[in-house]
Amino acid sequence: MLDETKPLYIAVAEQIEDGILDGTHPEDSPVPSSNELAAFLRINPATAGKGLNLLADAGVLVKRRGVGMFVAPGAITRLRQRRRDDFARAYLVPLLREAAHLGIEPRELTEMMEALQ
């Protein structure tokens, strides 16, 4: 369920992000509390809280005093843009660098990708 290759609090945050992006947690809806997440995922509540706070610090979640954490308005757009940027840095930059080393022109690279679809 959680990605064990990453720190648990980051895996918790990514799981909530995935829920936001797939519609499980719509904008302006509540997300599970740190105690609920801890019980469900069998982790320490402080770890779950750290993951939620990471998202709150990023503006993805908002705290409502006495009520809990809610998905912030605009969270989907914010998450998609951040993940697109991360994707470009992690995959496209190395791809383009290797293509250049191999003498593959951008047009050829586009043709190669289209052929795979």
Protein backbone atom coordinates (compact mmCIF):
# COMPACT_ATOMS: atom_id res chain seq x y z
CA MET A 1 0.00 0.00 0.00
CA LEU A 2 2.71 2.50 0.98
CA ASP A 3 5.91 2.91 -1.03
CA GLU A 4 8.48 1.46 1.36
CA THR A 5 11.41 2.89 -0.59
CA LYS A 6 10.58 6.37 0.72
CA PRO A 7 10.25 7.82 4.20
CA LEU A 8 6.81 6.87 5.54
CA TYR A 9 5.59 10.46 5.94
CA ILE A 10 6.33 11.13 2.26
CA ALA A 11 4.53 7.92 1.25
CA VAL A 12 1.53 9.05 3.33
CA ALA A 13 1.55 12.46 1.63
CA GLU A 14 1.78 10.85 -1.82
CA GLN A 15 -1.11 8.51 -1.02
CA ILE A 16 -3.29 11.50 -0.08
CA GLU A 17 -2.11 13.31 -3.24
CA ASP A 18 -3.09 10.29 -5.34
CA GLY A 19 -6.53 10.34 -3.72
CA ILE A 20 -6.91 14.02 -4.57
CA LEU A 21 -5.89 13.46 -8.18
CA ASP A 22 -8.14 10.43 -8.68
CA GLY A 23 -11.18 12.12 -7.11
CA THR A 24 -11.29 10.13 -3.87
CA HIS A 25 -10.70 13.39 -1.99
CA PRO A 26 -12.37 16.23 -3.96
CA GLU A 27 -11.40 19.83 -3.38
CA ASP A 28 -12.93 21.29 -0.21
CA SER A 29 -13.62 17.82 1.24
CA PRO A 30 -12.09 16.45 4.45
CA VAL A 31 -9.19 14.02 4.42
CA PRO A 32 -8.67 11.34 7.06
CA SER A 33 -7.18 12.53 10.33
CA SER A 34 -3.69 11.52 11.39
CA ASN A 35 -5.21 9.04 13.86
CA GLU A 36 -7.43 7.52 11.16
CA LEU A 37 -4.50 7.24 8.76
CA ALA A 38 -2.29 5.76 11.47
CA ALA A 39 -4.85 3.11 12.34
CA PHE A 40 -5.55 2.24 8.71
CA LEU A 41 -1.89 2.16 7.65
CA ARG A 42 -0.61 0.77 10.97
CA ILE A 43 1.91 3.53 11.46
CA ASN A 44 2.63 6.05 14.20
CA PRO A 45 0.10 8.94 14.33
CA ALA A 46 3.00 11.41 14.41
CA THR A 47 4.26 10.01 11.10
CA ALA A 48 0.82 10.32 9.55
CA GLY A 49 0.54 13.85 10.92
CA LYS A 50 3.91 14.76 9.42
CA GLY A 51 2.66 13.64 5.99
CA LEU A 52 -0.51 15.71 6.36
CA ASN A 53 1.46 18.74 7.53
CA LEU A 54 3.77 18.41 4.54
CA LEU A 55 0.71 18.79 2.29
CA ALA A 56 -0.63 21.67 4.38
CA ASP A 57 2.73 23.46 4.09
CA ALA A 58 2.56 22.98 0.30
CA GLY A 59 -0.94 24.51 0.17
CA VAL A 60 -2.57 21.24 -0.89
CA LEU A 61 -4.47 20.86 2.39
CA VAL A 62 -5.90 23.52 4.68
CA LYS A 63 -6.44 23.19 8.40
CA ARG A 64 -9.84 24.12 9.74
CA ARG A 65 -9.57 24.72 13.44
CA GLY A 66 -11.51 22.14 15.40
CA VAL A 67 -12.73 20.37 12.27
CA GLY A 68 -9.66 18.84 10.59
CA MET A 69 -7.79 18.99 7.31
CA PHE A 70 -9.52 19.68 4.00
CA VAL A 71 -8.38 19.61 0.40
CA ALA A 72 -7.54 23.18 -0.58
CA PRO A 73 -9.23 24.89 -3.51
CA GLY A 74 -6.90 24.61 -6.52
CA ALA A 75 -5.10 21.58 -5.05
CA ILE A 76 -5.59 19.46 -8.17
CA THR A 77 -4.05 22.08 -10.43
CA ARG A 78 -1.19 22.65 -7.99
CA LEU A 79 -0.47 18.91 -7.67
CA ARG A 80 -0.62 18.25 -11.41
CA GLN A 81 1.78 21.10 -12.14
CA ARG A 82 4.25 20.00 -9.47
CA ARG A 83 4.12 16.39 -10.66
CA ARG A 84 4.57 17.47 -14.29
CA ASP A 85 7.62 19.48 -13.29
CA ASP A 86 8.97 16.51 -11.32
CA PHE A 87 8.30 14.23 -14.31
CA ALA A 88 10.21 16.53 -16.65
CA ARG A 89 13.21 16.68 -14.31
CA ALA A 90 13.25 12.96 -13.58
CA TYR A 91 12.52 11.57 -17.04
CA LEU A 92 12.60 14.12 -19.85
CA VAL A 93 15.86 15.86 -19.02
CA PRO A 94 17.83 12.57 -18.89
CA LEU A 95 16.01 11.33 -22.02
CA LEU A 96 16.91 14.44 -23.99
CA ARG A 97 20.49 14.34 -22.73
CA GLU A 98 20.91 10.71 -23.83
CA ALA A 99 19.20 11.39 -27.16
CA ALA A 100 21.67 14.22 -27.80
CA HIS A 101 24.59 11.89 -27.00
CA LEU A 102 23.23 9.41 -29.51
CA GLY A 103 22.65 12.06 -32.17
CA ILE A 104 18.88 11.66 -32.08
CA GLU A 105 17.19 14.85 -33.21
CA PRO A 106 14.03 16.04 -31.40
CA ARG A 107 11.95 15.24 -34.50
CA GLU A 108 13.28 11.67 -34.54
CA LEU A 109 12.62 11.31 -30.84
CA THR A 110 9.01 12.43 -31.36
CA GLU A 111 8.63 9.89 -34.17
CA MET A 112 10.05 7.14 -31.94
CA MET A 113 7.57 7.98 -29.17
CA GLU A 114 4.62 8.12 -31.59
CA ALA A 115 5.59 4.71 -32.96
CA LEU A 116 5.35 3.24 -29.47
CA GLN A 117 1.77 4.37 -28.94
